[in-house]
Amino acid sequence: MATQRVPSGTVHHVPTDLRSALVADGAALDAWRDITPLARNEWICWVEDAKRDDTRTKRIERTHTELGEGKRRPCCWPGCSHREKNGK
C-alpha cells in the first residue's frame, strides 16, 4: 500500500501517532490538508505538549474529531511557543 502524504506544520513534523489517526480517516486527512501550515503547527504542538500519554491520546482523538467538525485550530490553546514571531 502506498504511503499517504501528510503535510507538516511550519516548525513541527507530524508525529507517528497523529499521522496514523489522520490517515485512518479520509475526511480528517482532507481537513488536515485544507488548513494552513501554521494551523497544522498549532495542532501538532498542542498534541506534543501533553505531559501524560492519556492526555496525548485524548488530544489526538480531539484533533481528529474537531477537524471533522470544521475547526481549524485547537480551542483554548495560546499557540505554539516554538515558532518565531515572524511566523516561521
N, C-alpha and C. Protein backbone atom coordinates (compact mmCIF):
# COMPACT_ATOMS: atom_id res chain seq x y z
N MET A 1 0.83 -1.17 0.00
CA MET A 1 0.00 0.00 0.00
C MET A 1 0.88 1.24 0.00
N ALA A 2 0.52 2.23 -0.79
CA ALA A 2 1.31 3.46 -0.89
C ALA A 2 1.16 4.29 0.37
N THR A 3 2.23 4.95 0.74
CA THR A 3 2.21 5.83 1.89
C THR A 3 1.54 7.14 1.50
N GLN A 4 0.60 7.58 2.32
CA GLN A 4 -0.08 8.83 2.04
C GLN A 4 0.73 10.00 2.60
N ARG A 5 0.77 11.07 1.83
CA ARG A 5 1.48 12.27 2.27
C ARG A 5 0.63 13.01 3.28
N VAL A 6 1.24 13.31 4.43
CA VAL A 6 0.58 14.09 5.48
C VAL A 6 1.46 15.29 5.74
N PRO A 7 1.03 16.49 5.27
CA PRO A 7 1.89 17.67 5.41
C PRO A 7 2.09 18.07 6.87
N SER A 8 3.26 18.62 7.14
CA SER A 8 3.63 19.05 8.49
C SER A 8 3.28 20.50 8.72
N GLY A 9 3.68 21.00 9.88
CA GLY A 9 3.49 22.40 10.21
C GLY A 9 4.71 23.21 9.81
N THR A 10 4.77 24.44 10.30
CA THR A 10 5.89 25.30 9.96
C THR A 10 7.15 24.95 10.74
N VAL A 11 6.97 24.44 11.94
CA VAL A 11 8.11 24.09 12.80
C VAL A 11 8.10 22.60 13.11
N HIS A 12 6.93 22.07 13.40
CA HIS A 12 6.80 20.69 13.86
C HIS A 12 6.47 19.74 12.71
N HIS A 13 7.00 18.52 12.82
CA HIS A 13 6.65 17.44 11.90
C HIS A 13 5.53 16.62 12.54
N VAL A 14 4.69 16.03 11.71
CA VAL A 14 3.57 15.24 12.22
C VAL A 14 4.10 14.00 12.92
N PRO A 15 3.79 13.83 14.21
CA PRO A 15 4.24 12.63 14.91
C PRO A 15 3.50 11.39 14.39
N THR A 16 4.11 10.25 14.55
CA THR A 16 3.59 9.00 14.01
C THR A 16 2.17 8.70 14.48
N ASP A 17 1.88 8.89 15.77
CA ASP A 17 0.55 8.55 16.28
C ASP A 17 -0.53 9.47 15.71
N LEU A 18 -0.23 10.75 15.56
CA LEU A 18 -1.19 11.67 14.96
C LEU A 18 -1.35 11.36 13.48
N ARG A 19 -0.26 11.07 12.81
CA ARG A 19 -0.31 10.73 11.39
C ARG A 19 -1.20 9.52 11.17
N SER A 20 -1.05 8.50 12.00
CA SER A 20 -1.87 7.29 11.86
C SER A 20 -3.36 7.60 12.02
N ALA A 21 -3.70 8.44 12.97
CA ALA A 21 -5.10 8.81 13.18
C ALA A 21 -5.66 9.57 11.99
N LEU A 22 -4.85 10.44 11.39
CA LEU A 22 -5.31 11.21 10.24
C LEU A 22 -5.48 10.32 9.01
N VAL A 23 -4.53 9.44 8.78
CA VAL A 23 -4.58 8.57 7.61
C VAL A 23 -5.75 7.58 7.71
N ALA A 24 -6.13 7.22 8.94
CA ALA A 24 -7.22 6.26 9.14
C ALA A 24 -8.59 6.82 8.74
N ASP A 25 -8.69 8.13 8.61
CA ASP A 25 -9.98 8.75 8.27
C ASP A 25 -9.77 9.76 7.14
N GLY A 26 -10.28 9.43 5.97
CA GLY A 26 -10.10 10.28 4.80
C GLY A 26 -10.60 11.70 5.00
N ALA A 27 -11.73 11.87 5.71
CA ALA A 27 -12.28 13.21 5.93
C ALA A 27 -11.35 14.03 6.81
N ALA A 28 -10.80 13.41 7.85
CA ALA A 28 -9.87 14.12 8.73
C ALA A 28 -8.60 14.51 7.97
N LEU A 29 -8.12 13.60 7.13
CA LEU A 29 -6.92 13.88 6.35
C LEU A 29 -7.17 15.01 5.35
N ASP A 30 -8.35 15.00 4.72
CA ASP A 30 -8.71 16.09 3.80
C ASP A 30 -8.76 17.43 4.53
N ALA A 31 -9.35 17.43 5.73
CA ALA A 31 -9.42 18.66 6.53
C ALA A 31 -8.02 19.12 6.92
N TRP A 32 -7.16 18.16 7.27
CA TRP A 32 -5.77 18.48 7.64
C TRP A 32 -5.05 19.13 6.47
N ARG A 33 -5.25 18.60 5.30
CA ARG A 33 -4.59 19.17 4.11
C ARG A 33 -5.14 20.54 3.76
N ASP A 34 -6.37 20.82 4.16
CA ASP A 34 -7.02 22.08 3.82
C ASP A 34 -6.61 23.24 4.74
N ILE A 35 -6.12 22.95 5.94
CA ILE A 35 -5.72 24.04 6.84
C ILE A 35 -4.30 24.50 6.52
N THR A 36 -3.96 25.68 6.99
CA THR A 36 -2.66 26.26 6.70
C THR A 36 -1.54 25.54 7.46
N PRO A 37 -0.30 25.69 7.00
CA PRO A 37 0.82 25.11 7.75
C PRO A 37 0.91 25.65 9.18
N LEU A 38 0.55 26.92 9.39
CA LEU A 38 0.56 27.46 10.76
C LEU A 38 -0.49 26.79 11.62
N ALA A 39 -1.67 26.55 11.05
CA ALA A 39 -2.72 25.86 11.80
C ALA A 39 -2.31 24.43 12.12
N ARG A 40 -1.72 23.73 11.14
CA ARG A 40 -1.23 22.37 11.40
C ARG A 40 -0.19 22.39 12.51
N ASN A 41 0.66 23.39 12.49
CA ASN A 41 1.69 23.53 13.51
C ASN A 41 1.07 23.63 14.90
N GLU A 42 -0.03 24.38 15.02
CA GLU A 42 -0.71 24.54 16.31
C GLU A 42 -1.25 23.20 16.81
N TRP A 43 -1.90 22.43 15.92
CA TRP A 43 -2.42 21.12 16.32
C TRP A 43 -1.29 20.21 16.77
N ILE A 44 -0.20 20.17 15.99
CA ILE A 44 0.92 19.28 16.32
C ILE A 44 1.53 19.68 17.66
N CYS A 45 1.77 20.95 17.86
CA CYS A 45 2.38 21.42 19.11
C CYS A 45 1.47 21.11 20.29
N TRP A 46 0.16 21.30 20.10
CA TRP A 46 -0.81 21.02 21.16
C TRP A 46 -0.76 19.55 21.56
N VAL A 47 -0.69 18.66 20.58
CA VAL A 47 -0.60 17.23 20.86
C VAL A 47 0.71 16.92 21.56
N GLU A 48 1.80 17.45 21.05
CA GLU A 48 3.11 17.13 21.62
C GLU A 48 3.35 17.77 22.98
N ASP A 49 2.58 18.79 23.33
CA ASP A 49 2.74 19.46 24.62
C ASP A 49 2.14 18.66 25.77
N ALA A 50 1.36 17.64 25.49
CA ALA A 50 0.74 16.83 26.54
C ALA A 50 1.83 16.18 27.39
N LYS A 51 1.65 16.22 28.68
CA LYS A 51 2.64 15.66 29.59
C LYS A 51 2.44 14.15 29.81
N ARG A 52 1.17 13.71 29.74
CA ARG A 52 0.85 12.31 30.02
C ARG A 52 0.37 11.62 28.74
N ASP A 53 0.62 10.32 28.66
CA ASP A 53 0.21 9.55 27.48
C ASP A 53 -1.29 9.59 27.26
N ASP A 54 -2.08 9.51 28.35
CA ASP A 54 -3.53 9.52 28.17
C ASP A 54 -4.02 10.89 27.68
N THR A 55 -3.36 11.94 28.10
CA THR A 55 -3.72 13.28 27.61
C THR A 55 -3.37 13.39 26.13
N ARG A 56 -2.24 12.89 25.75
CA ARG A 56 -1.84 12.91 24.34
C ARG A 56 -2.85 12.14 23.49
N THR A 57 -3.26 10.97 23.96
CA THR A 57 -4.25 10.17 23.23
C THR A 57 -5.56 10.94 23.09
N LYS A 58 -6.01 11.59 24.15
CA LYS A 58 -7.24 12.38 24.09
C LYS A 58 -7.10 13.54 23.11
N ARG A 59 -5.95 14.16 23.09
CA ARG A 59 -5.73 15.29 22.18
C ARG A 59 -5.72 14.83 20.72
N ILE A 60 -5.17 13.67 20.47
CA ILE A 60 -5.19 13.14 19.11
C ILE A 60 -6.63 12.85 18.69
N GLU A 61 -7.40 12.25 19.58
CA GLU A 61 -8.82 11.97 19.29
C GLU A 61 -9.58 13.27 19.05
N ARG A 62 -9.30 14.28 19.88
CA ARG A 62 -9.97 15.57 19.72
C ARG A 62 -9.57 16.25 18.42
N THR A 63 -8.30 16.14 18.05
CA THR A 63 -7.84 16.71 16.78
C THR A 63 -8.65 16.10 15.64
N HIS A 64 -8.74 14.79 15.65
CA HIS A 64 -9.48 14.06 14.63
C HIS A 64 -10.94 14.52 14.59
N THR A 65 -11.58 14.60 15.73
CA THR A 65 -13.00 14.99 15.83
C THR A 65 -13.21 16.43 15.41
N GLU A 66 -12.40 17.33 15.95
CA GLU A 66 -12.61 18.76 15.70
C GLU A 66 -12.30 19.14 14.26
N LEU A 67 -11.33 18.49 13.64
CA LEU A 67 -11.09 18.73 12.22
C LEU A 67 -12.32 18.32 11.42
N GLY A 68 -12.93 17.21 11.80
CA GLY A 68 -14.14 16.74 11.13
C GLY A 68 -15.31 17.70 11.31
N GLU A 69 -15.30 18.46 12.41
CA GLU A 69 -16.35 19.44 12.68
C GLU A 69 -16.06 20.78 12.00
N GLY A 70 -14.93 20.87 11.34
CA GLY A 70 -14.59 22.10 10.63
C GLY A 70 -13.72 23.08 11.40
N LYS A 71 -13.29 22.70 12.59
CA LYS A 71 -12.42 23.59 13.37
C LYS A 71 -11.03 23.58 12.74
N ARG A 72 -10.44 24.74 12.71
CA ARG A 72 -9.16 24.88 12.02
C ARG A 72 -7.97 24.99 12.97
N ARG A 73 -8.23 25.26 14.23
CA ARG A 73 -7.17 25.35 15.25
C ARG A 73 -7.68 24.80 16.57
N PRO A 74 -6.78 24.34 17.44
CA PRO A 74 -7.24 23.83 18.74
C PRO A 74 -7.81 24.96 19.60
N CYS A 75 -8.92 24.67 20.24
CA CYS A 75 -9.58 25.66 21.10
C CYS A 75 -8.76 25.87 22.38
N CYS A 76 -8.75 27.09 22.82
CA CYS A 76 -8.15 27.44 24.12
C CYS A 76 -6.66 27.13 24.19
N TRP A 77 -5.97 27.22 23.08
CA TRP A 77 -4.52 26.97 23.02
C TRP A 77 -3.85 28.29 22.73
N PRO A 78 -2.91 28.71 23.57
CA PRO A 78 -2.28 30.02 23.37
C PRO A 78 -1.40 30.10 22.13
N GLY A 79 -1.12 28.98 21.53
CA GLY A 79 -0.30 28.96 20.32
C GLY A 79 1.06 28.34 20.57
N CYS A 80 1.67 27.96 19.50
CA CYS A 80 2.97 27.31 19.56
C CYS A 80 4.04 28.30 20.00
N SER A 81 4.74 27.95 21.04
CA SER A 81 5.80 28.82 21.54
C SER A 81 7.12 28.55 20.84
N HIS A 82 7.15 27.58 19.92
CA HIS A 82 8.39 27.19 19.28
C HIS A 82 8.71 27.95 18.00
N ARG A 83 7.71 28.61 17.43
CA ARG A 83 7.98 29.33 16.18
C ARG A 83 8.33 30.77 16.49
N GLU A 84 9.04 31.37 15.56
CA GLU A 84 9.45 32.76 15.71
C GLU A 84 8.25 33.67 15.54
N LYS A 85 8.37 34.88 16.00
CA LYS A 85 7.27 35.84 15.92
C LYS A 85 6.91 36.20 14.47
N ASN A 86 7.82 35.96 13.53
CA ASN A 86 7.54 36.28 12.13
C ASN A 86 6.78 35.16 11.42
N GLY A 87 6.37 34.10 12.16
CA GLY A 87 5.58 33.05 11.57
C GLY A 87 6.37 31.89 11.02
N LYS A 88 7.69 31.91 11.15
CA LYS A 88 8.50 30.81 10.61
C LYS A 88 8.98 29.92 11.72
